[in-house]
């Protein structure tokens, strides 16, 4: 049975690691979600993630938190395809999902975008492009 949890150990909290992702990493875009990612050697966890909604686009913390919850849930339900690819290749990936839209999306639309990004990352990783 697949593991659909998102424990604290799979979230990125280290400021140095966050700045590395944005400075050294690559980007995959599927509007309104951008994913900045950075490949690393295997460190026990195949995936570590960060979710961000800029205050510039949504002044209300309630709206930002709603969008982050939706992105986390969509990622949590669909992360297993990329995680298995990374485990097989003995690598880990740090991903920062950034919501760049100006309006709040429905969960279904956000889930489609995150699935598309995860599929694109797993295809690129299988082909050796990232």
Protein backbone atom coordinates (compact mmCIF):
# COMPACT_ATOMS: atom_id res chain seq x y z
CA UNK A 1 0.00 0.00 0.00
CA UNK A 2 1.27 3.48 -0.85
CA UNK A 3 2.24 6.00 1.77
CA UNK A 4 0.14 9.15 1.34
CA UNK A 5 1.46 11.03 4.35
CA UNK A 6 3.52 14.23 4.37
CA UNK A 7 5.60 14.16 7.56
CA UNK A 8 7.69 17.04 8.86
CA UNK A 9 10.87 15.30 7.66
CA UNK A 10 9.71 15.72 4.03
CA UNK A 11 9.28 19.49 4.37
CA UNK A 12 12.09 21.95 3.80
CA UNK A 13 12.76 24.33 6.69
CA UNK A 14 16.48 25.09 6.34
CA UNK A 15 17.11 28.61 5.00
CA UNK A 16 20.41 27.58 3.38
CA UNK A 17 18.69 24.76 1.50
CA UNK A 18 15.87 27.07 0.41
CA UNK A 19 18.30 29.61 -1.02
CA UNK A 20 20.21 26.80 -2.80
CA UNK A 21 17.02 25.66 -4.51
CA UNK A 22 16.25 29.13 -5.85
CA UNK A 23 19.86 29.99 -6.80
CA UNK A 24 21.18 26.70 -8.19
CA UNK A 25 18.02 24.82 -9.13
CA UNK A 26 16.01 24.59 -12.33
CA UNK A 27 12.38 25.52 -12.95
CA UNK A 28 9.34 23.72 -14.31
CA UNK A 29 6.35 25.95 -15.06
CA UNK A 30 2.68 25.18 -15.41
CA UNK A 31 0.78 28.36 -14.70
CA UNK A 32 -0.19 29.24 -11.96
CA UNK A 33 2.33 26.92 -10.24
CA UNK A 34 6.10 27.10 -10.68
CA UNK A 35 8.33 24.35 -9.31
CA UNK A 36 11.96 25.10 -8.54
CA UNK A 37 13.87 21.84 -8.05
CA UNK A 38 17.36 20.71 -7.16
CA UNK A 39 18.73 17.17 -7.44
CA UNK A 40 20.92 15.84 -4.64
CA UNK A 41 22.54 12.56 -3.65
CA UNK A 42 20.25 10.22 -1.76
CA UNK A 43 19.89 11.36 1.87
CA UNK A 44 17.24 8.98 3.18
CA UNK A 45 14.22 10.89 1.86
CA UNK A 46 13.69 10.89 -1.93
CA UNK A 47 11.59 14.07 -1.86
CA UNK A 48 11.54 17.19 0.26
CA UNK A 49 9.16 20.02 -0.54
CA UNK A 50 8.30 23.62 0.20
CA UNK A 51 5.06 25.45 -0.63
CA UNK A 52 4.94 29.21 -1.07
CA UNK A 53 2.30 31.78 -1.95
CA UNK A 54 3.71 35.33 -2.25
CA UNK A 55 2.27 38.04 -0.06
CA UNK A 56 2.52 40.38 -3.06
CA UNK A 57 -0.31 38.49 -4.80
CA UNK A 58 -2.50 37.74 -1.76
CA UNK A 59 -2.42 40.20 1.12
CA UNK A 60 -4.73 38.08 3.27
CA UNK A 61 -2.99 35.30 5.20
CA UNK A 62 -6.20 33.28 5.08
CA UNK A 63 -6.12 33.14 1.27
CA UNK A 64 -2.42 32.26 1.23
CA UNK A 65 -2.96 29.45 3.74
CA UNK A 66 -5.92 28.07 1.77
CA UNK A 67 -3.80 27.89 -1.38
CA UNK A 68 -0.90 26.26 0.45
CA UNK A 69 -3.26 23.66 1.94
CA UNK A 70 -4.65 22.86 -1.50
CA UNK A 71 -1.16 22.52 -3.00
CA UNK A 72 0.02 20.32 -0.11
CA UNK A 73 -2.98 18.02 -0.47
CA UNK A 74 -2.58 17.72 -4.24
CA UNK A 75 1.11 16.94 -3.82
CA UNK A 76 0.53 14.48 -0.97
CA UNK A 77 -1.92 12.45 -3.02
CA UNK A 78 0.26 12.30 -6.16
CA UNK A 79 3.90 12.26 -5.02
CA UNK A 80 4.43 8.50 -5.23
CA UNK A 81 5.24 8.33 -8.96
CA UNK A 82 8.19 10.69 -8.67
CA UNK A 83 9.30 9.20 -5.34
CA UNK A 84 9.61 5.70 -6.80
CA UNK A 85 11.62 6.96 -9.78
CA UNK A 86 14.02 8.78 -7.44
CA UNK A 87 14.36 5.77 -5.11
CA UNK A 88 15.26 3.53 -8.05
CA UNK A 89 17.97 5.97 -9.19
CA UNK A 90 19.26 6.49 -5.60
CA UNK A 91 18.78 10.26 -5.74
CA UNK A 92 16.75 12.80 -3.84
CA UNK A 93 15.10 15.99 -5.01
CA UNK A 94 14.20 19.21 -3.25
CA UNK A 95 11.20 21.00 -4.75
CA UNK A 96 9.77 24.45 -4.00
CA UNK A 97 6.23 24.93 -5.32
CA UNK A 98 5.39 28.61 -5.79
CA UNK A 99 1.88 29.78 -6.63
CA UNK A 100 2.10 32.78 -8.98
CA UNK A 101 -1.52 33.36 -10.01
CA UNK A 102 -3.55 36.38 -8.98
CA UNK A 103 -6.79 34.50 -8.23
CA UNK A 104 -7.58 31.49 -6.08
CA UNK A 105 -7.87 28.27 -8.10
CA UNK A 106 -10.11 25.34 -7.37
CA UNK A 107 -8.54 22.22 -5.90
CA UNK A 108 -9.19 20.26 -9.10
CA UNK A 109 -7.29 22.76 -11.25
CA UNK A 110 -4.38 22.92 -8.80
CA UNK A 111 -4.23 19.13 -8.63
CA UNK A 112 -4.03 18.88 -12.43
CA UNK A 113 -1.19 21.40 -12.52
CA UNK A 114 0.79 19.69 -9.78
CA UNK A 115 0.26 16.26 -11.38
CA UNK A 116 1.53 17.68 -14.68
CA UNK A 117 4.62 19.10 -12.97
CA UNK A 118 5.36 15.85 -11.11
CA UNK A 119 4.90 13.81 -14.30
CA UNK A 120 7.21 16.14 -16.22
CA UNK A 121 9.85 15.89 -13.50
CA UNK A 122 9.67 12.09 -13.42
CA UNK A 123 9.88 11.88 -17.24
CA UNK A 124 12.87 14.24 -17.31
CA UNK A 125 14.56 12.25 -14.55
CA UNK A 126 13.99 8.91 -16.27
CA UNK A 127 15.47 10.29 -19.51
CA UNK A 128 18.39 11.81 -17.61
CA UNK A 129 17.58 15.39 -18.59
CA UNK A 130 17.62 16.87 -15.09
